[in-house]
């Protein structure tokens, strides 16, 4: 199909990629004009003087909590790159973000180092930094001349800063919800963030260390080296057959490992004591009426909260991982120092008694004869998906299935719905991929109550979440593309190279339906409705709301794999 990326978006992408070729520091303000005139749907208020708190909150959630202190951001592909440029990142503090699994190091002062695993990291990070700076400076102009701003600047220490919601709302001329969202966006020390905003305008600089396509491949190789150690076995066959899954590191382990259900009383007691997101009454009600599906979904969600809030969080997480490992699920965290964790699940070691009742089926005992593993990875961002699957395909034995589960925006559904596509347009390769999706609506719908399932959809793999505007979305919508995401296209490009002798083509129609010797299944659950005024990704986190669709997809994938493997083994 004709490429329909809008001229404004194209200009923006060309602007930052060309400027980042410079060997020196580039001020983020150089990107601002192109960013503003791209009319990004995620930054609808970019042109206006009034703060777009939703865009600021979205950006802040994908940057570390130390960001209010940062003035320089340096991007590179490896420790060697940073060290050769004079950045001793090995000794810097490892920092994380709430919304992206991107390796980051902070020097404790004003410099942040960002490790890149694909070009998608650039397409993601630069618009985030630019939106963050634009909105910071709007907030600064309002706080600078206010009594609240003066009080923030004169506060003797961060802990003494109290910011009444009503005063923040009045000073910034925003809604009460926006005022609350701003405080949440500034992380565990909102007073520090507000004091920094009130004290000075933001003038970030970025630097891109010389990089190459081969360096991205080397990063994928380092990742696979870390995974391979857990995948290889001593006896023959050393390289076991694989069912590949790209999802997250909690869904399959909860469904197949059973820790949450085995420790339900501990989780229930935690819910009663702390009542995160007001879920305790809902948990008690589901338990009282014998609603196992909802009860287990809430248990799984609360287990994550329990680990995060535990005084000994690291020890609690180690306990969960050891329990899972005893049941055949081994988690490899950040293999090769690449922040894409993996799980090696030995099917023959799974205990049917531990498996979620929704995944069980008659004849599961046959799985004890299985020689295969499920290799599940924490889904990478954009083109990193291509590099990781390509490298995995070179290192494993037989591939028996490839299954992808991820978030997407929907142009015709609601948050919490599930979309099943059989056609994908990939903006990276400009290919249209047709494939036989092994999943149908009937595979997922039994596990959803609130959401709907739509199969036979068409998906668009975009370059970045900010790199879309209304004209862009409307044009694709007219062509029938209703699912906007970032990984399906790169995965399909990698799948092409697993079954054909050459590199994937560009700007072609590619039919994979009858080409793959393994089945392919792709499921997306809706986290955003950009065409709807009801709710958007900017202002609504999925939180517990997304648990039902997440586990609906994960159950469908787990059942598909285990039933296929049982059928392959044959009758008891």
Protein backbone atom coordinates (compact mmCIF):
# COMPACT_ATOMS: atom_id res chain seq x y z
CA UNK A 1 0.00 0.00 0.00
CA UNK A 2 1.07 3.62 -0.44
CA UNK A 3 2.95 5.01 2.51
CA UNK A 4 0.72 7.50 4.26
CA UNK A 5 2.95 8.78 7.05
CA UNK A 6 2.03 12.46 7.24
CA UNK A 7 4.44 15.08 5.95
CA UNK A 8 4.64 16.68 9.40
CA UNK A 9 5.60 13.38 11.05
CA UNK A 10 8.17 12.66 8.30
CA UNK A 11 9.69 16.11 8.81
CA UNK A 12 9.93 15.54 12.53
CA UNK A 13 11.65 12.14 12.12
CA UNK A 14 14.12 13.54 9.56
CA UNK A 15 14.84 16.52 11.83
CA UNK A 16 15.96 14.60 14.89
CA UNK A 17 17.75 11.81 13.01
CA UNK A 18 19.78 14.32 10.98
CA UNK A 19 20.65 16.48 13.99
CA UNK A 20 21.66 13.47 16.06
CA UNK A 21 24.37 12.67 13.52
CA UNK A 22 26.31 15.53 15.09
CA UNK A 23 29.27 14.45 17.22
CA UNK A 24 28.51 17.06 19.88
CA UNK A 25 25.65 17.94 22.17
CA UNK A 26 22.33 18.90 20.54
CA UNK A 27 19.85 21.01 22.47
CA UNK A 28 16.38 19.52 22.64
CA UNK A 29 14.94 22.92 21.75
CA UNK A 30 16.17 22.19 18.19
CA UNK A 31 13.45 19.53 17.94
CA UNK A 32 10.64 21.57 19.48
CA UNK A 33 9.29 23.29 16.36
CA UNK A 34 9.09 20.06 14.35
CA UNK A 35 7.54 18.32 17.36
CA UNK A 36 4.88 20.99 17.81
CA UNK A 37 3.94 21.09 14.13
CA UNK A 38 3.77 17.30 13.89
CA UNK A 39 0.40 17.64 15.69
CA UNK A 40 1.00 14.41 17.60
CA UNK A 41 -2.23 12.92 18.91
CA UNK A 42 -0.43 12.20 22.20
CA UNK A 43 0.52 15.86 22.55
CA UNK A 44 -2.63 17.64 21.44
CA UNK A 45 -1.87 20.69 23.58
CA UNK A 46 1.68 21.26 22.32
CA UNK A 47 0.80 24.50 20.49
CA UNK A 48 -1.03 26.11 23.40
CA UNK A 49 0.24 28.08 26.39
CA UNK A 50 -1.88 26.04 28.80
CA UNK A 51 0.01 23.01 30.17
CA UNK A 52 -0.85 19.66 28.63
CA UNK A 53 -0.51 17.73 31.89
CA UNK A 54 -1.50 14.44 30.26
CA UNK A 55 1.39 14.65 27.77
CA UNK A 56 3.81 15.63 30.56
CA UNK A 57 2.61 12.73 32.73
CA UNK A 58 2.95 10.27 29.84
CA UNK A 59 6.51 11.44 29.19
CA UNK A 60 7.51 11.56 32.87
CA UNK A 61 6.32 7.96 33.37
CA UNK A 62 8.80 6.87 30.69
CA UNK A 63 11.70 8.77 32.25
CA UNK A 64 13.42 8.01 35.58
CA UNK A 65 12.47 9.70 38.85
CA UNK A 66 15.80 11.55 38.81
CA UNK A 67 14.79 13.37 35.61
CA UNK A 68 14.08 16.75 37.30
CA UNK A 69 17.82 16.90 38.07
CA UNK A 70 19.01 15.82 34.61
CA UNK A 71 20.36 18.32 32.06
CA UNK A 72 22.17 16.04 29.61
CA UNK A 73 21.13 12.74 28.02
CA UNK A 74 23.74 10.64 26.23
CA UNK A 75 22.67 7.66 24.11
CA UNK A 76 24.83 4.69 23.18
CA UNK A 77 24.66 1.01 22.31
CA UNK A 78 27.14 -0.56 24.72
CA UNK A 79 29.28 0.05 27.80
CA UNK A 80 32.29 0.20 25.48
CA UNK A 81 30.72 3.05 23.51
CA UNK A 82 30.16 5.08 26.65
CA UNK A 83 33.57 4.34 28.14
CA UNK A 84 35.44 5.28 24.94
CA UNK A 85 33.59 8.61 24.91
CA UNK A 86 34.65 9.32 28.50
CA UNK A 87 31.44 8.33 30.30
CA UNK A 88 32.33 5.88 33.10
CA UNK A 89 28.82 4.46 33.23
CA UNK A 90 29.86 1.25 34.98
CA UNK A 91 30.10 3.21 38.23
CA UNK A 92 26.89 5.20 37.68
CA UNK A 93 23.60 4.42 39.43
CA UNK A 94 21.20 2.09 37.66
CA UNK A 95 17.81 3.82 37.38
CA UNK A 96 14.47 2.67 35.99
CA UNK A 97 11.23 4.09 34.68
CA UNK A 98 7.63 3.12 35.31
CA UNK A 99 6.60 2.92 31.65
CA UNK A 100 9.63 1.60 29.74
CA UNK A 101 12.11 -1.22 30.33
CA UNK A 102 15.10 0.69 29.01
CA UNK A 103 18.58 0.35 30.61
CA UNK A 104 19.54 3.71 32.16
CA UNK A 105 22.48 4.95 34.23
CA UNK A 106 22.65 8.24 36.15
CA UNK A 107 25.86 9.92 37.29
CA UNK A 108 24.12 11.32 40.38
CA UNK A 109 24.35 14.87 39.07
CA UNK A 110 23.03 15.99 35.68
CA UNK A 111 23.86 13.30 33.09
CA UNK A 112 21.68 10.33 32.15
CA UNK A 113 23.03 7.50 29.97
CA UNK A 114 20.52 5.60 27.82
CA UNK A 115 21.35 2.21 26.30
CA UNK A 116 19.80 1.71 22.86
CA UNK A 117 18.77 -1.73 21.60
CA UNK A 118 17.23 -0.61 18.29
CA UNK A 119 16.31 2.47 16.28
CA UNK A 120 12.89 2.31 17.96
CA UNK A 121 14.52 3.55 21.17
CA UNK A 122 15.47 6.78 19.37
CA UNK A 123 12.00 7.18 17.82
CA UNK A 124 10.53 6.67 21.28
CA UNK A 125 12.93 8.66 23.46
CA UNK A 126 13.43 11.88 21.49
CA UNK A 127 9.70 12.78 21.28
CA UNK A 128 9.33 11.90 24.98
CA UNK A 129 12.18 14.24 25.95
CA UNK A 130 10.86 16.98 23.69
CA UNK A 131 7.30 16.78 25.02
CA UNK A 132 8.68 16.70 28.58
CA UNK A 133 10.71 19.87 28.02
CA UNK A 134 7.91 21.76 26.26
CA UNK A 135 5.47 21.08 29.08
CA UNK A 136 8.06 21.64 31.84
CA UNK A 137 8.66 25.15 30.52
CA UNK A 138 4.93 25.91 30.37
CA UNK A 139 4.63 24.81 34.01
CA UNK A 140 7.71 26.87 34.92
CA UNK A 141 6.28 30.06 33.45
CA UNK A 142 3.14 29.67 35.57
CA UNK A 143 4.91 28.67 38.79
CA UNK A 144 7.72 31.21 38.46
CA UNK A 145 5.49 34.20 39.14
CA UNK A 146 3.17 32.57 41.68
CA UNK A 147 3.17 32.50 45.47
CA UNK A 148 3.24 28.69 45.27
CA UNK A 149 6.38 28.87 43.13
CA UNK A 150 8.06 31.23 45.57
CA UNK A 151 7.22 28.94 48.48
CA UNK A 152 8.61 25.96 46.58
CA UNK A 153 11.88 27.75 45.81
CA UNK A 154 12.37 28.87 49.42
CA UNK A 155 11.52 25.52 51.03
CA UNK A 156 14.47 24.44 53.24
CA UNK A 157 14.19 20.80 52.22
CA UNK A 158 12.11 18.60 49.96
CA UNK A 159 10.36 16.78 52.81
CA UNK A 160 8.93 20.05 54.13
CA UNK A 161 7.17 20.88 50.85
CA UNK A 162 3.40 20.52 50.97
CA UNK A 163 1.39 21.28 47.85
CA UNK A 164 -2.38 21.55 48.31
CA UNK A 165 -4.19 20.22 45.25
CA UNK A 166 -6.50 23.25 45.20
CA UNK A 167 -3.58 25.70 45.09
CA UNK A 168 -1.78 23.74 42.37
CA UNK A 169 -5.01 23.55 40.37
CA UNK A 170 -5.57 27.33 40.64
CA UNK A 171 -1.95 28.26 39.88
CA UNK A 172 -1.75 26.13 36.75
CA UNK A 173 -5.38 26.62 35.67
CA UNK A 174 -5.87 22.87 35.32
CA UNK A 175 -8.53 20.44 36.51
CA UNK A 176 -8.31 18.72 39.91
CA UNK A 177 -7.59 15.43 38.13
CA UNK A 178 -4.78 17.01 36.11
CA UNK A 179 -3.29 18.44 39.31
CA UNK A 180 -3.32 14.99 40.92
CA UNK A 181 -1.89 13.41 37.75
CA UNK A 182 0.96 15.92 37.79
CA UNK A 183 1.95 14.99 41.34
CA UNK A 184 1.84 11.29 40.47
CA UNK A 185 3.90 11.95 37.32
CA UNK A 186 6.68 13.51 39.39
CA UNK A 187 7.24 10.21 41.19
CA UNK A 188 7.95 9.53 44.86
CA UNK A 189 9.26 13.10 45.46
CA UNK A 190 6.74 15.42 43.78
CA UNK A 191 7.92 18.29 45.97
CA UNK A 192 11.43 18.00 44.53
CA UNK A 193 10.07 17.93 41.00
CA UNK A 194 7.85 20.96 41.52
CA UNK A 195 10.67 22.89 43.19
CA UNK A 196 12.93 22.21 40.20
CA UNK A 197 10.19 23.24 37.76
CA UNK A 198 9.54 26.45 39.69
CA UNK A 199 13.25 27.24 39.93
CA UNK A 200 14.37 27.18 36.30
CA UNK A 201 13.34 26.55 32.71
CA UNK A 202 14.50 23.25 31.23
CA UNK A 203 17.17 23.24 28.52
CA UNK A 204 18.07 19.60 27.90
CA UNK A 205 20.91 18.54 25.61
CA UNK A 206 21.27 15.13 23.97
CA UNK A 207 24.17 13.35 22.35
CA UNK A 208 24.13 10.25 20.20
CA UNK A 209 27.35 8.25 20.32
CA UNK A 210 28.36 6.75 16.98
CA UNK A 211 26.37 3.58 16.39
CA UNK A 212 25.58 1.03 13.72
CA UNK A 213 23.14 -1.68 12.72
CA UNK A 214 25.75 -4.30 13.60
CA UNK A 215 25.89 -2.93 17.16
CA UNK A 216 22.16 -3.60 17.54
CA UNK A 217 22.83 -7.16 16.39
CA UNK A 218 25.67 -7.44 18.90
CA UNK A 219 23.31 -6.33 21.66
CA UNK A 220 20.89 -9.08 20.61
CA UNK A 221 23.81 -11.53 20.62
CA UNK A 222 24.75 -10.53 24.19
CA UNK A 223 21.12 -11.03 25.20
CA UNK A 224 20.97 -14.47 23.59
CA UNK A 225 24.24 -15.53 25.24
CA UNK A 226 22.58 -14.87 28.59
CA UNK A 227 19.43 -16.77 27.59
CA UNK A 228 21.31 -19.66 26.00
CA UNK A 229 22.91 -20.58 29.32
CA UNK A 230 19.45 -21.34 30.72
CA UNK A 231 18.13 -22.93 27.53
CA UNK A 232 20.89 -25.46 26.80
CA UNK A 233 20.76 -28.78 28.61
CA UNK A 234 23.66 -31.14 29.29
CA UNK A 235 22.10 -34.23 27.76
CA UNK A 236 21.06 -34.65 24.14
CA UNK A 237 19.29 -33.03 22.46
CA UNK A 238 21.04 -29.99 23.90
CA UNK A 239 18.88 -27.59 21.91
CA UNK A 240 15.31 -28.47 22.71
CA UNK A 241 12.22 -27.65 20.61
CA UNK A 242 10.80 -24.23 21.47
CA UNK A 243 7.43 -22.56 21.70
CA UNK A 244 8.35 -18.86 21.59
CA UNK A 245 6.17 -16.37 23.47
CA UNK A 246 6.53 -12.59 23.68
CA UNK A 247 4.38 -11.32 26.54
CA UNK A 248 5.49 -10.34 30.05
CA UNK A 249 7.17 -12.17 32.91
CA UNK A 250 4.19 -12.53 35.23
CA UNK A 251 1.21 -13.89 33.27
CA UNK A 252 2.52 -17.32 32.25
CA UNK A 253 4.38 -17.83 35.53
CA UNK A 254 1.21 -17.10 37.51
CA UNK A 255 -0.92 -19.37 35.32
CA UNK A 256 1.56 -22.26 35.20
CA UNK A 257 3.59 -21.81 38.40
CA UNK A 258 0.82 -21.36 40.95
CA UNK A 259 2.63 -19.29 43.60
CA UNK A 260 -0.25 -16.83 44.09
CA UNK A 261 -2.86 -19.55 44.56
CA UNK A 262 -0.58 -21.53 46.90
CA UNK A 263 -0.06 -18.40 49.04
CA UNK A 264 -3.51 -16.90 48.72
CA UNK A 265 -3.96 -16.32 52.46
CA UNK A 266 -0.83 -14.16 52.56
CA UNK A 267 -2.09 -12.12 49.61
CA UNK A 268 -5.60 -11.81 51.10
CA UNK A 269 -4.11 -10.57 54.38
CA UNK A 270 -2.02 -8.03 52.45
CA UNK A 271 -5.14 -6.84 50.59
CA UNK A 272 -7.07 -6.41 53.85
CA UNK A 273 -4.21 -4.48 55.45
CA UNK A 274 -3.31 -2.15 52.57
CA UNK A 275 -6.26 -2.36 50.15
CA UNK A 276 -4.32 -1.33 47.02
CA UNK A 277 -6.57 0.34 44.41
CA UNK A 278 -9.52 -0.52 46.69
CA UNK A 279 -9.38 -4.14 45.51
CA UNK A 280 -9.86 -5.80 48.92
CA UNK A 281 -13.70 -5.67 48.84
CA UNK A 282 -13.74 -6.98 45.28
CA UNK A 283 -11.39 -9.81 46.23
CA UNK A 284 -13.55 -10.76 49.23
CA UNK A 285 -16.73 -10.64 47.14
CA UNK A 286 -15.27 -12.87 44.42
CA UNK A 287 -14.11 -15.34 47.05
CA UNK A 288 -17.48 -15.37 48.81
CA UNK A 289 -19.43 -16.17 45.66
CA UNK A 290 -16.92 -18.77 44.44
CA UNK A 291 -15.94 -16.77 41.36
CA UNK A 292 -12.57 -18.44 40.74
CA UNK A 293 -11.77 -16.56 37.53
CA UNK A 294 -12.05 -13.08 39.03
CA UNK A 295 -10.60 -14.21 42.35
CA UNK A 296 -7.48 -15.61 40.71
CA UNK A 297 -7.04 -12.58 38.43
CA UNK A 298 -7.10 -10.29 41.48
CA UNK A 299 -4.69 -12.57 43.36
CA UNK A 300 -2.24 -12.41 40.44
CA UNK A 301 -2.43 -8.63 40.32
CA UNK A 302 -2.06 -8.24 44.07
CA UNK A 303 0.98 -10.51 44.12
CA UNK A 304 2.86 -7.90 42.09
CA UNK A 305 1.73 -5.19 44.51
CA UNK A 306 2.76 -7.31 47.50
CA UNK A 307 6.26 -7.78 46.06
CA UNK A 308 6.67 -4.10 45.21
CA UNK A 309 5.49 -2.90 48.64
CA UNK A 310 7.25 -5.50 50.76
CA UNK A 311 10.00 -4.11 53.04
CA UNK A 312 12.16 -6.98 51.79
CA UNK A 313 11.01 -6.75 48.16
CA UNK A 314 14.15 -8.37 46.76
CA UNK A 315 13.90 -11.32 49.16
CA UNK A 316 10.18 -11.74 48.43
CA UNK A 317 10.84 -11.76 44.69
CA UNK A 318 13.62 -14.33 45.17
CA UNK A 319 11.15 -16.53 47.08
CA UNK A 320 8.65 -16.38 44.20
CA UNK A 321 11.33 -17.15 41.59
CA UNK A 322 12.59 -20.14 43.59
CA UNK A 323 9.05 -21.50 43.92
CA UNK A 324 8.56 -21.14 40.16
CA UNK A 325 11.93 -22.75 39.41
CA UNK A 326 10.96 -25.81 41.46
CA UNK A 327 7.99 -26.18 39.12
CA UNK A 328 9.99 -25.88 35.89
CA UNK A 329 9.86 -22.10 35.32
CA UNK A 330 13.30 -20.47 35.36
CA UNK A 331 13.45 -16.67 35.06
CA UNK A 332 16.56 -15.05 33.56
CA UNK A 333 16.60 -11.38 34.53
CA UNK A 334 18.25 -8.91 32.11
CA UNK A 335 20.36 -11.56 30.33
CA UNK A 336 23.53 -10.08 28.85
CA UNK A 337 22.70 -6.85 30.72
CA UNK A 338 19.90 -6.27 28.18
CA UNK A 339 16.64 -5.32 29.91
CA UNK A 340 14.53 -7.98 28.18
CA UNK A 341 14.04 -10.71 30.77
CA UNK A 342 13.28 -14.26 29.68
CA UNK A 343 11.73 -17.41 31.12
CA UNK A 344 12.58 -20.98 30.19
CA UNK A 345 9.59 -23.17 31.01
CA UNK A 346 10.20 -26.93 30.83
CA UNK A 347 6.84 -28.38 29.89
CA UNK A 348 7.56 -31.85 31.28
CA UNK A 349 8.25 -30.38 34.74
CA UNK A 350 4.96 -28.49 35.02
CA UNK A 351 2.76 -29.74 37.86
CA UNK A 352 -0.90 -29.98 36.73
CA UNK A 353 -2.01 -29.31 40.32
CA UNK A 354 -0.28 -25.91 40.22
CA UNK A 355 -1.73 -24.87 36.87
CA UNK A 356 -4.65 -22.41 36.79
CA UNK A 357 -7.93 -24.35 36.34
CA UNK A 358 -8.72 -22.32 33.21
CA UNK A 359 -5.62 -23.73 31.50
CA UNK A 360 -6.13 -27.38 32.48
CA UNK A 361 -7.59 -29.94 30.07
CA UNK A 362 -8.11 -33.73 30.04
CA UNK A 363 -4.97 -35.70 29.27
CA UNK A 364 -2.49 -33.15 30.62
CA UNK A 365 -0.49 -35.99 32.16
CA UNK A 366 0.93 -36.65 28.67
CA UNK A 367 2.98 -33.46 29.00
CA UNK A 368 5.37 -35.31 31.32
CA UNK A 369 6.76 -36.89 28.12
CA UNK A 370 7.42 -33.55 26.43
CA UNK A 371 10.89 -32.64 25.18
CA UNK A 372 9.96 -28.99 24.50
CA UNK A 373 10.30 -25.72 26.37
CA UNK A 374 8.33 -22.50 26.31
CA UNK A 375 10.73 -19.59 25.87
CA UNK A 376 8.87 -16.52 27.06
CA UNK A 377 10.39 -13.03 26.83
CA UNK A 378 9.36 -9.66 28.24
CA UNK A 379 8.21 -8.04 25.01
CA UNK A 380 10.85 -5.71 23.52
CA UNK A 381 10.12 -2.27 22.08
CA UNK A 382 9.65 -1.92 18.32
CA UNK A 383 12.58 -3.06 16.19
CA UNK A 384 14.25 -4.72 19.18
CA UNK A 385 11.61 -7.44 18.67
CA UNK A 386 13.08 -8.13 15.23
CA UNK A 387 16.66 -8.35 16.51
CA UNK A 388 15.78 -10.61 19.45
CA UNK A 389 13.64 -13.08 17.51
CA UNK A 390 16.18 -13.19 14.68
CA UNK A 391 18.95 -14.10 17.09
CA UNK A 392 16.79 -16.58 19.00
CA UNK A 393 15.91 -18.29 15.72
CA UNK A 394 19.61 -18.91 15.06
CA UNK A 395 20.21 -20.42 18.49
CA UNK A 396 17.32 -22.77 19.20
CA UNK A 397 16.38 -26.15 17.83
CA UNK A 398 12.97 -26.71 16.23
CA UNK A 399 10.48 -23.86 16.57
CA UNK A 400 6.98 -25.26 17.14
CA UNK A 401 5.10 -21.98 17.49
CA UNK A 402 5.50 -18.21 17.79
CA UNK A 403 2.99 -16.32 19.93
CA UNK A 404 2.90 -12.57 20.62
CA UNK A 405 0.79 -10.79 23.23
CA UNK A 406 0.98 -7.03 23.66
CA UNK A 407 -0.76 -3.71 24.18
CA UNK A 408 -2.26 -1.70 21.35
CA UNK A 409 -4.44 1.29 20.67
CA UNK A 410 -7.80 0.50 19.11
CA UNK A 411 -9.60 2.81 16.69
CA UNK A 412 -12.94 1.01 16.95
CA UNK A 413 -13.10 -0.65 20.37
CA UNK A 414 -12.74 0.08 24.07
CA UNK A 415 -9.95 -0.20 26.60
CA UNK A 416 -9.85 -3.84 27.72
CA UNK A 417 -10.99 -5.29 24.38
CA UNK A 418 -8.87 -7.89 22.58
CA UNK A 419 -8.00 -7.64 18.89
CA UNK A 420 -6.85 -10.52 16.69
CA UNK A 421 -5.29 -9.46 13.38
CA UNK A 422 -4.44 -11.42 10.24
CA UNK A 423 -2.95 -8.49 8.30
CA UNK A 424 -0.21 -6.12 9.48
CA UNK A 425 1.27 -3.04 7.81
CA UNK A 426 4.80 -2.46 9.10
CA UNK A 427 6.11 1.10 8.92
CA UNK A 428 9.72 -0.05 9.34
CA UNK A 429 9.81 -2.31 6.27
CA UNK A 430 6.76 -0.74 4.59
CA UNK A 431 5.54 -4.29 3.98
CA UNK A 432 1.99 -5.56 4.25
CA UNK A 433 2.13 -8.96 5.92
CA UNK A 434 -0.68 -11.50 5.56
CA UNK A 435 -0.50 -14.47 7.91
CA UNK A 436 -2.74 -17.17 9.33
CA UNK A 437 -3.37 -16.17 12.94
CA UNK A 438 -3.94 -19.37 14.90
CA UNK A 439 -6.26 -17.56 17.34
CA UNK A 440 -9.94 -16.80 16.88
CA UNK A 441 -12.39 -14.84 19.01
CA UNK A 442 -13.70 -18.09 20.51
CA UNK A 443 -10.24 -18.82 21.97
CA UNK A 444 -10.28 -15.70 24.17
CA UNK A 445 -13.90 -14.67 24.71
CA UNK A 446 -14.69 -17.35 27.36
CA UNK A 447 -12.15 -15.68 29.68
CA UNK A 448 -13.51 -12.12 29.32
CA UNK A 449 -16.57 -10.61 30.96
CA UNK A 450 -16.06 -6.89 30.49
CA UNK A 451 -14.22 -6.81 27.18
CA UNK A 452 -15.07 -7.91 23.66
CA UNK A 453 -12.89 -9.86 21.23
CA UNK A 454 -12.57 -8.87 17.57
CA UNK A 455 -10.83 -11.17 15.11
CA UNK A 456 -10.07 -10.65 11.39
CA UNK A 457 -8.64 -7.20 12.19
CA UNK A 458 -5.87 -5.24 10.45
CA UNK A 459 -2.95 -3.90 12.51
CA UNK A 460 -0.49 -1.09 11.94
CA UNK A 461 3.01 -1.32 13.43
CA UNK A 462 3.96 2.31 14.03
CA UNK A 463 7.46 3.70 14.62
CA UNK A 464 6.59 5.42 17.88
CA UNK A 465 3.71 6.38 20.14
CA UNK A 466 4.22 10.13 19.56
CA UNK A 467 4.72 9.67 15.81
CA UNK A 468 1.03 9.66 14.98
CA UNK A 469 -1.48 12.43 14.39
CA UNK A 470 -5.17 12.64 13.56
CA UNK A 471 -4.64 12.77 9.79
CA UNK A 472 -2.32 9.79 9.99
CA UNK A 473 -4.79 7.71 12.01
CA UNK A 474 -7.77 8.73 9.90
CA UNK A 475 -6.02 7.72 6.68
CA UNK A 476 -5.20 4.26 8.00
CA UNK A 477 -8.66 3.93 9.51
CA UNK A 478 -10.19 4.48 6.08
CA UNK A 479 -8.02 1.59 4.85
CA UNK A 480 -9.46 -0.62 7.59
CA UNK A 481 -6.49 -0.56 10.00
CA UNK A 482 -7.95 -0.43 13.48
CA UNK A 483 -5.11 -1.74 15.69
CA UNK A 484 -2.09 0.52 16.36
CA UNK A 485 0.94 -1.12 17.98
CA UNK A 486 4.73 -1.36 17.62
CA UNK A 487 5.96 -4.99 17.58
CA UNK A 488 3.91 -7.19 15.22
CA UNK A 489 5.57 -5.88 12.04
CA UNK A 490 9.15 -6.35 13.32
CA UNK A 491 8.26 -9.85 14.55
CA UNK A 492 6.78 -10.76 11.16
CA UNK A 493 9.92 -9.46 9.42
CA UNK A 494 11.96 -11.80 11.63
CA UNK A 495 9.56 -14.68 10.93
CA UNK A 496 10.02 -14.09 7.19
CA UNK A 497 13.77 -14.54 7.62
CA UNK A 498 13.23 -17.72 9.63
CA UNK A 499 11.46 -19.41 6.71
CA UNK A 500 12.96 -17.79 3.58
CA UNK A 501 16.64 -17.78 2.48
CA UNK A 502 17.04 -14.00 2.23
CA UNK A 503 16.42 -10.77 4.15
CA UNK A 504 12.86 -9.53 4.39
CA UNK A 505 11.80 -7.35 1.43
CA UNK A 506 10.70 -3.72 1.64
CA UNK A 507 7.56 -2.06 0.35
CA UNK A 508 5.95 -5.34 -0.74
CA UNK A 509 2.92 -7.47 -0.02
CA UNK A 510 4.19 -10.57 1.80
CA UNK A 511 2.12 -13.73 2.20
CA UNK A 512 3.21 -15.85 5.17
CA UNK A 513 -0.04 -17.81 5.53
CA UNK A 514 1.24 -21.04 3.98
CA UNK A 515 4.97 -20.42 4.41
CA UNK A 516 5.64 -21.09 8.09
CA UNK A 517 6.27 -24.65 9.32
CA UNK A 518 5.12 -23.47 12.77
CA UNK A 519 1.95 -21.69 13.76
CA UNK A 520 1.83 -17.96 14.47
CA UNK A 521 -0.53 -16.29 16.92
CA UNK A 522 -0.75 -12.58 17.71
CA UNK A 523 -3.09 -11.10 20.33
CA UNK A 524 -3.42 -7.44 21.34
CA UNK A 525 -5.34 -6.01 24.26
CA UNK A 526 -6.50 -2.41 24.02
CA UNK A 527 -4.80 0.09 26.32
CA UNK A 528 -5.84 3.25 24.46
CA UNK A 529 -8.69 4.58 22.33
CA UNK A 530 -7.21 7.57 20.46
CA UNK A 531 -10.37 8.13 18.41
CA UNK A 532 -12.50 8.28 21.56
CA UNK A 533 -12.96 11.24 23.86
CA UNK A 534 -13.91 8.87 26.69
CA UNK A 535 -10.44 7.83 27.75
CA UNK A 536 -6.90 7.88 26.46
CA UNK A 537 -3.57 6.32 27.22
CA UNK A 538 -2.38 9.68 28.49
CA UNK A 539 -4.76 9.88 31.40
CA UNK A 540 -5.74 6.27 32.18
CA UNK A 541 -3.32 3.58 33.22
CA UNK A 542 -4.58 0.07 32.64
CA UNK A 543 -3.70 -0.90 36.24
CA UNK A 544 -6.16 -3.57 37.39
CA UNK A 545 -8.55 -2.60 34.59
CA UNK A 546 -6.32 -4.42 32.10
CA UNK A 547 -5.87 -7.62 34.09
CA UNK A 548 -8.85 -9.45 32.62
CA UNK A 549 -7.78 -8.95 29.01
CA UNK A 550 -4.13 -9.65 29.84
CA UNK A 551 -4.97 -12.99 31.43
CA UNK A 552 -7.58 -13.79 28.80
CA UNK A 553 -4.83 -13.57 26.18
CA UNK A 554 -2.29 -15.43 28.32
CA UNK A 555 -4.73 -18.28 29.02
CA UNK A 556 -5.44 -18.65 25.30
CA UNK A 557 -1.70 -18.83 24.54
CA UNK A 558 -0.93 -21.27 27.38
CA UNK A 559 -3.81 -23.59 26.43
CA UNK A 560 -2.83 -23.48 22.76
CA UNK A 561 0.76 -24.47 23.47
CA UNK A 562 -0.01 -27.21 25.99
CA UNK A 563 -2.84 -28.73 23.95
CA UNK A 564 -0.67 -28.72 20.81
CA UNK A 565 2.16 -30.40 22.68
CA UNK A 566 -0.16 -33.01 24.22
CA UNK A 567 -1.65 -33.78 20.80
CA UNK A 568 1.83 -34.06 19.29
CA UNK A 569 2.81 -36.60 21.96
CA UNK A 570 -0.29 -38.64 21.15
CA UNK A 571 -2.94 -40.51 23.15
CA UNK A 572 -2.15 -41.73 26.68
